């Protein structure tokens, strides 16, 4: 099934050559989780996504967002953070 994406992100993913981190609420009724999962599969260099249980569209708590984004940025900068191997960043 083709993801619903008014910004046609799924068509742009082939042009994204950097590491891609996707965070998505599992209960999002605006952009379904399947769209996030589809983008994850299309990414050339995906890292482990953060599927945030029980949250929807734009309601993930700020501390959760900052934790995951901070860990991703720390790993990109070569810090002591988690690995950027697929499956090695973090899981929810």
PDB file of N, CA and C in Angstrom:
ATOM      1  N   UNK A   1       0.832  -1.168   0.000  1.00  0.00           N
ATOM      2  CA  UNK A   1       0.000   0.000   0.000  1.00  0.00           C
ATOM      3  C   UNK A   1       0.887   1.246   0.000  1.00  0.00           C
ATOM      4  N   UNK A   2       0.579   2.200  -0.816  1.00  0.00           N
ATOM      5  CA  UNK A   2       1.326   3.444  -0.911  1.00  0.00           C
ATOM      6  C   UNK A   2       0.972   4.341   0.277  1.00  0.00           C
ATOM      7  N   UNK A   3       2.021   4.914   0.944  1.00  0.00           N
ATOM      8  CA  UNK A   3       1.725   5.776   2.084  1.00  0.00           C
ATOM      9  C   UNK A   3       1.002   7.055   1.658  1.00  0.00           C
ATOM     10  N   UNK A   4       0.145   7.569   2.550  1.00  0.00           N
ATOM     11  CA  UNK A   4      -0.517   8.847   2.319  1.00  0.00           C
ATOM     12  C   UNK A   4       0.471   9.921   2.738  1.00  0.00           C
ATOM     13  N   UNK A   5       0.873  10.771   1.794  1.00  0.00           N
ATOM     14  CA  UNK A   5       1.903  11.745   2.093  1.00  0.00           C
ATOM     15  C   UNK A   5       1.714  12.957   1.196  1.00  0.00           C
ATOM     16  N   UNK A   6       1.099  14.019   1.722  1.00  0.00           N
ATOM     17  CA  UNK A   6       0.856  15.191   0.887  1.00  0.00           C
ATOM     18  C   UNK A   6       2.147  15.899   0.507  1.00  0.00           C
ATOM     19  N   UNK A   7       3.231  15.609   1.233  1.00  0.00           N
ATOM     20  CA  UNK A   7       4.521  16.207   0.917  1.00  0.00           C
ATOM     21  C   UNK A   7       5.373  15.277   0.058  1.00  0.00           C
ATOM     22  N   UNK A   8       4.830  14.180  -0.369  1.00  0.00           N
ATOM     23  CA  UNK A   8       5.474  13.133  -1.182  1.00  0.00           C
ATOM     24  C   UNK A   8       6.888  12.787  -0.693  1.00  0.00           C
ATOM     25  N   UNK A   9       7.042  12.689   0.632  1.00  0.00           N
ATOM     26  CA  UNK A   9       8.341  12.329   1.195  1.00  0.00           C
ATOM     27  C   UNK A   9       8.831  10.984   0.689  1.00  0.00           C
ATOM     28  N   UNK A  10       7.917  10.059   0.467  1.00  0.00           N
ATOM     29  CA  UNK A  10       8.324   8.738  -0.014  1.00  0.00           C
ATOM     30  C   UNK A  10       9.010   8.833  -1.370  1.00  0.00           C
ATOM     31  N   UNK A  11       8.666   9.823  -2.182  1.00  0.00           N
ATOM     32  CA  UNK A  11       9.320   9.995  -3.482  1.00  0.00           C
ATOM     33  C   UNK A  11      10.683  10.659  -3.346  1.00  0.00           C
ATOM     34  N   UNK A  12      10.905  11.376  -2.277  1.00  0.00           N
ATOM     35  CA  UNK A  12      12.156  12.106  -2.067  1.00  0.00           C
ATOM     36  C   UNK A  12      13.218  11.267  -1.368  1.00  0.00           C
ATOM     37  N   UNK A  13      12.838  10.187  -0.726  1.00  0.00           N
ATOM     38  CA  UNK A  13      13.779   9.416   0.084  1.00  0.00           C
ATOM     39  C   UNK A  13      14.965   8.885  -0.724  1.00  0.00           C
ATOM     40  N   UNK A  14      14.780   8.613  -1.988  1.00  0.00           N
ATOM     41  CA  UNK A  14      15.895   8.102  -2.804  1.00  0.00           C
ATOM     42  C   UNK A  14      17.016   9.129  -2.936  1.00  0.00           C
ATOM     43  N   UNK A  15      16.708  10.392  -2.722  1.00  0.00           N
ATOM     44  CA  UNK A  15      17.708  11.461  -2.834  1.00  0.00           C
ATOM     45  C   UNK A  15      18.413  11.757  -1.512  1.00  0.00           C
ATOM     46  N   UNK A  16      17.951  11.158  -0.438  1.00  0.00           N
ATOM     47  CA  UNK A  16      18.522  11.422   0.885  1.00  0.00           C
ATOM     48  C   UNK A  16      19.675  10.451   1.120  1.00  0.00           C
ATOM     49  N   UNK A  17      20.894  11.001   1.135  1.00  0.00           N
ATOM     50  CA  UNK A  17      22.080  10.154   1.250  1.00  0.00           C
ATOM     51  C   UNK A  17      22.654  10.108   2.668  1.00  0.00           C
ATOM     52  N   UNK A  18      22.106  10.867   3.592  1.00  0.00           N
ATOM     53  CA  UNK A  18      22.614  10.890   4.958  1.00  0.00           C
ATOM     54  C   UNK A  18      21.855   9.884   5.823  1.00  0.00           C
ATOM     55  N   UNK A  19      22.317   9.731   7.046  1.00  0.00           N
ATOM     56  CA  UNK A  19      21.608   8.872   7.996  1.00  0.00           C
ATOM     57  C   UNK A  19      20.247   9.477   8.290  1.00  0.00           C
ATOM     58  N   UNK A  20      19.256   8.620   8.429  1.00  0.00           N
ATOM     59  CA  UNK A  20      17.878   9.062   8.661  1.00  0.00           C
ATOM     60  C   UNK A  20      17.371   8.446   9.953  1.00  0.00           C
ATOM     61  N   UNK A  21      16.870   9.328  10.819  1.00  0.00           N
ATOM     62  CA  UNK A  21      16.244   8.900  12.072  1.00  0.00           C
ATOM     63  C   UNK A  21      14.781   9.315  12.019  1.00  0.00           C
ATOM     64  N   UNK A  22      13.897   8.363  12.231  1.00  0.00           N
ATOM     65  CA  UNK A  22      12.465   8.642  12.218  1.00  0.00           C
ATOM     66  C   UNK A  22      11.896   8.376  13.608  1.00  0.00           C
ATOM     67  N   UNK A  23      11.142   9.361  14.105  1.00  0.00           N
ATOM     68  CA  UNK A  23      10.419   9.239  15.359  1.00  0.00           C
ATOM     69  C   UNK A  23       8.943   9.434  15.041  1.00  0.00           C
ATOM     70  N   UNK A  24       8.099   8.551  15.560  1.00  0.00           N
ATOM     71  CA  UNK A  24       6.686   8.604  15.189  1.00  0.00           C
ATOM     72  C   UNK A  24       5.851   8.032  16.314  1.00  0.00           C
ATOM     73  N   UNK A  25       4.767   8.693  16.640  1.00  0.00           N
ATOM     74  CA  UNK A  25       3.827   8.171  17.620  1.00  0.00           C
ATOM     75  C   UNK A  25       3.058   6.998  17.042  1.00  0.00           C
ATOM     76  N   UNK A  26       2.892   5.967  17.835  1.00  0.00           N
ATOM     77  CA  UNK A  26       2.201   4.763  17.343  1.00  0.00           C
ATOM     78  C   UNK A  26       0.705   4.967  17.178  1.00  0.00           C
ATOM     79  N   UNK A  27       0.152   5.992  17.841  1.00  0.00           N
ATOM     80  CA  UNK A  27      -1.292   6.239  17.765  1.00  0.00           C
ATOM     81  C   UNK A  27      -1.639   7.475  16.928  1.00  0.00           C
ATOM     82  N   UNK A  28      -0.760   7.832  16.006  1.00  0.00           N
ATOM     83  CA  UNK A  28      -0.980   9.009  15.160  1.00  0.00           C
ATOM     84  C   UNK A  28      -2.138   8.741  14.211  1.00  0.00           C
ATOM     85  N   UNK A  29      -3.203   9.553  14.303  1.00  0.00           N
ATOM     86  CA  UNK A  29      -4.339   9.384  13.398  1.00  0.00           C
ATOM     87  C   UNK A  29      -4.346  10.444  12.292  1.00  0.00           C
ATOM     88  N   UNK A  30      -3.302  11.283  12.231  1.00  0.00           N
ATOM     89  CA  UNK A  30      -3.153  12.255  11.148  1.00  0.00           C
ATOM     90  C   UNK A  30      -2.248  11.673  10.065  1.00  0.00           C
ATOM     91  N   UNK A  31      -1.069  11.222  10.474  1.00  0.00           N
ATOM     92  CA  UNK A  31      -0.131  10.531   9.574  1.00  0.00           C
ATOM     93  C   UNK A  31       0.052   9.143  10.179  1.00  0.00           C
ATOM     94  N   UNK A  32      -0.553   8.132   9.586  1.00  0.00           N
ATOM     95  CA  UNK A  32      -0.505   6.795  10.168  1.00  0.00           C
ATOM     96  C   UNK A  32       0.926   6.263  10.346  1.00  0.00           C
ATOM     97  N   UNK A  33       1.106   5.450  11.361  1.00  0.00           N
ATOM     98  CA  UNK A  33       2.404   4.847  11.642  1.00  0.00           C
ATOM     99  C   UNK A  33       2.960   4.123  10.421  1.00  0.00           C
ATOM    100  N   UNK A  34       2.096   3.548   9.616  1.00  0.00           N
ATOM    101  CA  UNK A  34       2.576   2.834   8.424  1.00  0.00           C
ATOM    102  C   UNK A  34       3.354   3.757   7.493  1.00  0.00           C
ATOM    103  N   UNK A  35       3.049   5.044   7.507  1.00  0.00           N
ATOM    104  CA  UNK A  35       3.798   6.002   6.676  1.00  0.00           C
ATOM    105  C   UNK A  35       5.222   6.160   7.205  1.00  0.00           C
ATOM    106  N   UNK A  36       5.363   6.261   8.524  1.00  0.00           N
ATOM    107  CA  UNK A  36       6.692   6.330   9.115  1.00  0.00           C
ATOM    108  C   UNK A  36       7.489   5.064   8.845  1.00  0.00           C
ATOM    109  N   UNK A  37       6.821   3.928   8.964  1.00  0.00           N
ATOM    110  CA  UNK A  37       7.498   2.650   8.688  1.00  0.00           C
ATOM    111  C   UNK A  37       7.917   2.550   7.217  1.00  0.00           C
ATOM    112  N   UNK A  38       7.085   3.053   6.317  1.00  0.00           N
ATOM    113  CA  UNK A  38       7.417   3.032   4.889  1.00  0.00           C
ATOM    114  C   UNK A  38       8.637   3.907   4.616  1.00  0.00           C
ATOM    115  N   UNK A  39       8.687   5.104   5.221  1.00  0.00           N
ATOM    116  CA  UNK A  39       9.854   5.975   5.038  1.00  0.00           C
ATOM    117  C   UNK A  39      11.112   5.308   5.579  1.00  0.00           C
ATOM    118  N   UNK A  40      10.985   4.646   6.720  1.00  0.00           N
ATOM    119  CA  UNK A  40      12.121   3.938   7.309  1.00  0.00           C
ATOM    120  C   UNK A  40      12.675   2.902   6.326  1.00  0.00           C
ATOM    121  N   UNK A  41      11.788   2.168   5.684  1.00  0.00           N
ATOM    122  CA  UNK A  41      12.216   1.143   4.732  1.00  0.00           C
ATOM    123  C   UNK A  41      12.852   1.741   3.476  1.00  0.00           C
ATOM    124  N   UNK A  42      12.432   2.933   3.089  1.00  0.00           N
ATOM    125  CA  UNK A  42      12.953   3.579   1.894  1.00  0.00           C
ATOM    126  C   UNK A  42      14.282   4.293   2.111  1.00  0.00           C
ATOM    127  N   UNK A  43      14.626   4.575   3.361  1.00  0.00           N
ATOM    128  CA  UNK A  43      15.857   5.311   3.657  1.00  0.00           C
ATOM    129  C   UNK A  43      17.079   4.497   3.256  1.00  0.00           C
ATOM    130  N   UNK A  44      18.040   5.170   2.628  1.00  0.00           N
ATOM    131  CA  UNK A  44      19.284   4.506   2.233  1.00  0.00           C
ATOM    132  C   UNK A  44      20.154   4.153   3.434  1.00  0.00           C
ATOM    133  N   UNK A  45      20.159   5.032   4.432  1.00  0.00           N
ATOM    134  CA  UNK A  45      20.997   4.846   5.621  1.00  0.00           C
ATOM    135  C   UNK A  45      20.170   5.067   6.883  1.00  0.00           C
ATOM    136  N   UNK A  46      19.199   4.181   7.115  1.00  0.00           N
ATOM    137  CA  UNK A  46      18.359   4.366   8.305  1.00  0.00           C
ATOM    138  C   UNK A  46      19.097   3.954   9.570  1.00  0.00           C
ATOM    139  N   UNK A  47      18.736   4.593  10.649  1.00  0.00           N
ATOM    140  CA  UNK A  47      19.148   4.123  11.964  1.00  0.00           C
ATOM    141  C   UNK A  47      17.876   3.659  12.660  1.00  0.00           C
ATOM    142  N   UNK A  48      18.045   2.988  13.756  1.00  0.00           N
ATOM    143  CA  UNK A  48      16.903   2.434  14.466  1.00  0.00           C
ATOM    144  C   UNK A  48      15.896   3.543  14.759  1.00  0.00           C
ATOM    145  N   UNK A  49      14.648   3.381  14.355  1.00  0.00           N
ATOM    146  CA  UNK A  49      13.638   4.413  14.586  1.00  0.00           C
ATOM    147  C   UNK A  49      13.161   4.421  16.033  1.00  0.00           C
ATOM    148  N   UNK A  50      12.451   5.463  16.388  1.00  0.00           N
ATOM    149  CA  UNK A  50      11.812   5.536  17.703  1.00  0.00           C
ATOM    150  C   UNK A  50      10.312   5.578  17.475  1.00  0.00           C
ATOM    151  N   UNK A  51       9.658   4.440  17.648  1.00  0.00           N
ATOM    152  CA  UNK A  51       8.208   4.379  17.592  1.00  0.00           C
ATOM    153  C   UNK A  51       7.753   4.626  19.024  1.00  0.00           C
ATOM    154  N   UNK A  52       7.054   5.727  19.239  1.00  0.00           N
ATOM    155  CA  UNK A  52       6.710   6.139  20.596  1.00  0.00           C
ATOM    156  C   UNK A  52       5.293   5.658  20.924  1.00  0.00           C
ATOM    157  N   UNK A  53       5.175   4.640  21.772  1.00  0.00           N
ATOM    158  CA  UNK A  53       3.874   4.040  22.079  1.00  0.00           C
ATOM    159  C   UNK A  53       2.914   5.018  22.755  1.00  0.00           C
ATOM    160  N   UNK A  54       1.664   4.989  22.307  1.00  0.00           N
ATOM    161  CA  UNK A  54       0.599   5.730  22.947  1.00  0.00           C
ATOM    162  C   UNK A  54       0.486   7.195  22.568  1.00  0.00           C
ATOM    163  N   UNK A  55       1.327   7.659  21.656  1.00  0.00           N
ATOM    164  CA  UNK A  55       1.264   9.070  21.278  1.00  0.00           C
ATOM    165  C   UNK A  55       0.835   9.209  19.827  1.00  0.00           C
ATOM    166  N   UNK A  56       0.265  10.358  19.538  1.00  0.00           N
ATOM    167  CA  UNK A  56      -0.277  10.614  18.211  1.00  0.00           C
ATOM    168  C   UNK A  56       0.551  11.631  17.453  1.00  0.00           C
ATOM    169  N   UNK A  57      -0.131  12.583  16.845  1.00  0.00           N
ATOM    170  CA  UNK A  57       0.496  13.571  15.978  1.00  0.00           C
ATOM    171  C   UNK A  57       0.822  14.832  16.777  1.00  0.00           C
ATOM    172  N   UNK A  58       2.099  15.122  16.922  1.00  0.00           N
ATOM    173  CA  UNK A  58       2.584  16.322  17.620  1.00  0.00           C
ATOM    174  C   UNK A  58       2.235  16.356  19.102  1.00  0.00           C
ATOM    175  N   UNK A  59       2.140  15.209  19.747  1.00  0.00           N
ATOM    176  CA  UNK A  59       1.880  15.218  21.185  1.00  0.00           C
ATOM    177  C   UNK A  59       2.891  14.410  21.994  1.00  0.00           C
ATOM    178  N   UNK A  60       4.009  14.057  21.379  1.00  0.00           N
ATOM    179  CA  UNK A  60       5.057  13.342  22.100  1.00  0.00           C
ATOM    180  C   UNK A  60       5.671  14.329  23.095  1.00  0.00           C
ATOM    181  N   UNK A  61       5.824  13.941  24.358  1.00  0.00           N
ATOM    182  CA  UNK A  61       6.377  14.855  25.356  1.00  0.00           C
ATOM    183  C   UNK A  61       7.757  15.386  24.953  1.00  0.00           C
ATOM    184  N   UNK A  62       7.981  16.655  25.233  1.00  0.00           N
ATOM    185  CA  UNK A  62       9.239  17.293  24.839  1.00  0.00           C
ATOM    186  C   UNK A  62      10.458  16.565  25.380  1.00  0.00           C
ATOM    187  N   UNK A  63      10.409  16.089  26.611  1.00  0.00           N
ATOM    188  CA  UNK A  63      11.574  15.408  27.152  1.00  0.00           C
ATOM    189  C   UNK A  63      11.891  14.132  26.377  1.00  0.00           C
ATOM    190  N   UNK A  64      10.863  13.448  25.894  1.00  0.00           N
ATOM    191  CA  UNK A  64      11.075  12.248  25.076  1.00  0.00           C
ATOM    192  C   UNK A  64      11.700  12.623  23.733  1.00  0.00           C
ATOM    193  N   UNK A  65      11.158  13.657  23.100  1.00  0.00           N
ATOM    194  CA  UNK A  65      11.696  14.116  21.817  1.00  0.00           C
ATOM    195  C   UNK A  65      13.153  14.538  21.989  1.00  0.00           C
ATOM    196  N   UNK A  66      13.440  15.367  23.016  1.00  0.00           N
ATOM    197  CA  UNK A  66      14.805  15.854  23.221  1.00  0.00           C
ATOM    198  C   UNK A  66      15.767  14.717  23.521  1.00  0.00           C
ATOM    199  N   UNK A  67      15.304  13.723  24.260  1.00  0.00           N
ATOM    200  CA  UNK A  67      16.163  12.569  24.555  1.00  0.00           C
ATOM    201  C   UNK A  67      16.573  11.854  23.259  1.00  0.00           C
ATOM    202  N   UNK A  68      15.594  11.522  22.438  1.00  0.00           N
ATOM    203  CA  UNK A  68      15.884  10.761  21.221  1.00  0.00           C
ATOM    204  C   UNK A  68      16.678  11.586  20.203  1.00  0.00           C
ATOM    205  N   UNK A  69      16.294  12.823  19.995  1.00  0.00           N
ATOM    206  CA  UNK A  69      17.020  13.665  19.043  1.00  0.00           C
ATOM    207  C   UNK A  69      18.428  13.937  19.563  1.00  0.00           C
ATOM    208  N   UNK A  70      18.565  14.194  20.856  1.00  0.00           N
ATOM    209  CA  UNK A  70      19.888  14.425  21.438  1.00  0.00           C
ATOM    210  C   UNK A  70      20.798  13.227  21.287  1.00  0.00           C
ATOM    211  N   UNK A  71      20.273  12.034  21.516  1.00  0.00           N
ATOM    212  CA  UNK A  71      21.081  10.822  21.362  1.00  0.00           C
ATOM    213  C   UNK A  71      21.512  10.643  19.914  1.00  0.00           C
ATOM    214  N   UNK A  72      20.600  10.920  18.977  1.00  0.00           N
ATOM    215  CA  UNK A  72      20.936  10.812  17.559  1.00  0.00           C
ATOM    216  C   UNK A  72      22.032  11.820  17.192  1.00  0.00           C
ATOM    217  N   UNK A  73      21.879  13.066  17.602  1.00  0.00           N
ATOM    218  CA  UNK A  73      22.874  14.096  17.279  1.00  0.00           C
ATOM    219  C   UNK A  73      24.213  13.809  17.944  1.00  0.00           C
ATOM    220  N   UNK A  74      24.181  13.310  19.170  1.00  0.00           N
ATOM    221  CA  UNK A  74      25.414  12.951  19.851  1.00  0.00           C
ATOM    222  C   UNK A  74      26.143  11.848  19.097  1.00  0.00           C
ATOM    223  N   UNK A  75      25.388  10.855  18.638  1.00  0.00           N
ATOM    224  CA  UNK A  75      25.996   9.764  17.888  1.00  0.00           C
ATOM    225  C   UNK A  75      26.565  10.263  16.555  1.00  0.00           C
ATOM    226  N   UNK A  76      25.866  11.177  15.899  1.00  0.00           N
ATOM    227  CA  UNK A  76      26.378  11.747  14.648  1.00  0.00           C
ATOM    228  C   UNK A  76      27.681  12.498  14.870  1.00  0.00           C
ATOM    229  N   UNK A  77      27.775  13.165  16.015  1.00  0.00           N
ATOM    230  CA  UNK A  77      28.966  13.956  16.326  1.00  0.00           C
ATOM    231  C   UNK A  77      30.117  13.095  16.838  1.00  0.00           C
ATOM    232  N   UNK A  78      29.880  11.804  16.950  1.00  0.00           N
ATOM    233  CA  UNK A  78      30.936  10.905  17.395  1.00  0.00           C
ATOM    234  C   UNK A  78      31.083  10.870  18.905  1.00  0.00           C
ATOM    235  N   UNK A  79      30.065  11.297  19.609  1.00  0.00           N
ATOM    236  CA  UNK A  79      30.100  11.302  21.066  1.00  0.00           C
ATOM    237  C   UNK A  79      29.994   9.897  21.629  1.00  0.00           C
ATOM    238  N   UNK A  80      29.866   9.844  22.911  1.00  0.00           N
ATOM    239  CA  UNK A  80      29.791   8.561  23.605  1.00  0.00           C
ATOM    240  C   UNK A  80      28.402   7.966  23.543  1.00  0.00           C
ATOM    241  N   UNK A  81      27.551   8.554  22.732  1.00  0.00           N
ATOM    242  CA  UNK A  81      26.178   8.096  22.624  1.00  0.00           C
ATOM    243  C   UNK A  81      26.074   6.745  21.943  1.00  0.00           C
ATOM    244  N   UNK A  82      24.869   6.316  21.662  1.00  0.00           N
ATOM    245  CA  UNK A  82      24.622   5.000  21.067  1.00  0.00           C
ATOM    246  C   UNK A  82      25.149   4.890  19.656  1.00  0.00           C
ATOM    247  N   UNK A  83      25.322   3.683  19.226  1.00  0.00           N
ATOM    248  CA  UNK A  83      25.820   3.389  17.891  1.00  0.00           C
ATOM    249  C   UNK A  83      24.844   3.845  16.815  1.00  0.00           C
ATOM    250  N   UNK A  84      25.369   4.179  15.637  1.00  0.00           N
ATOM    251  CA  UNK A  84      24.511   4.526  14.507  1.00  0.00           C
ATOM    252  C   UNK A  84      24.288   3.339  13.576  1.00  0.00           C
ATOM    253  N   UNK A  85      24.731   2.166  13.995  1.00  0.00           N
ATOM    254  CA  UNK A  85      24.432   0.980  13.188  1.00  0.00           C
ATOM    255  C   UNK A  85      22.926   0.797  13.118  1.00  0.00           C
ATOM    256  N   UNK A  86      22.414   0.355  11.958  1.00  0.00           N
ATOM    257  CA  UNK A  86      20.980   0.075  11.927  1.00  0.00           C
ATOM    258  C   UNK A  86      20.634  -0.865  13.072  1.00  0.00           C
ATOM    259  N   UNK A  87      19.636  -0.507  13.820  1.00  0.00           N
ATOM    260  CA  UNK A  87      19.232  -1.317  14.960  1.00  0.00           C
ATOM    261  C   UNK A  87      20.003  -1.004  16.219  1.00  0.00           C
ATOM    262  N   UNK A  88      20.983  -0.115  16.134  1.00  0.00           N
ATOM    263  CA  UNK A  88      21.831   0.148  17.292  1.00  0.00           C
ATOM    264  C   UNK A  88      21.606   1.471  17.975  1.00  0.00           C
ATOM    265  N   UNK A  89      20.713   2.296  17.476  1.00  0.00           N
ATOM    266  CA  UNK A  89      20.546   3.607  18.086  1.00  0.00           C
ATOM    267  C   UNK A  89      19.704   3.514  19.344  1.00  0.00           C
ATOM    268  N   UNK A  90      18.451   3.218  19.203  1.00  0.00           N
ATOM    269  CA  UNK A  90      17.574   3.008  20.345  1.00  0.00           C
ATOM    270  C   UNK A  90      16.256   2.459  19.843  1.00  0.00           C
ATOM    271  N   UNK A  91      15.537   1.882  20.741  1.00  0.00           N
ATOM    272  CA  UNK A  91      14.238   1.301  20.400  1.00  0.00           C
ATOM    273  C   UNK A  91      13.231   1.755  21.429  1.00  0.00           C
ATOM    274  N   UNK A  92      12.015   1.773  21.005  1.00  0.00           N
ATOM    275  CA  UNK A  92      10.931   2.053  21.945  1.00  0.00           C
ATOM    276  C   UNK A  92       9.961   0.913  21.916  1.00  0.00           C
TER     277      UNK A  92
END
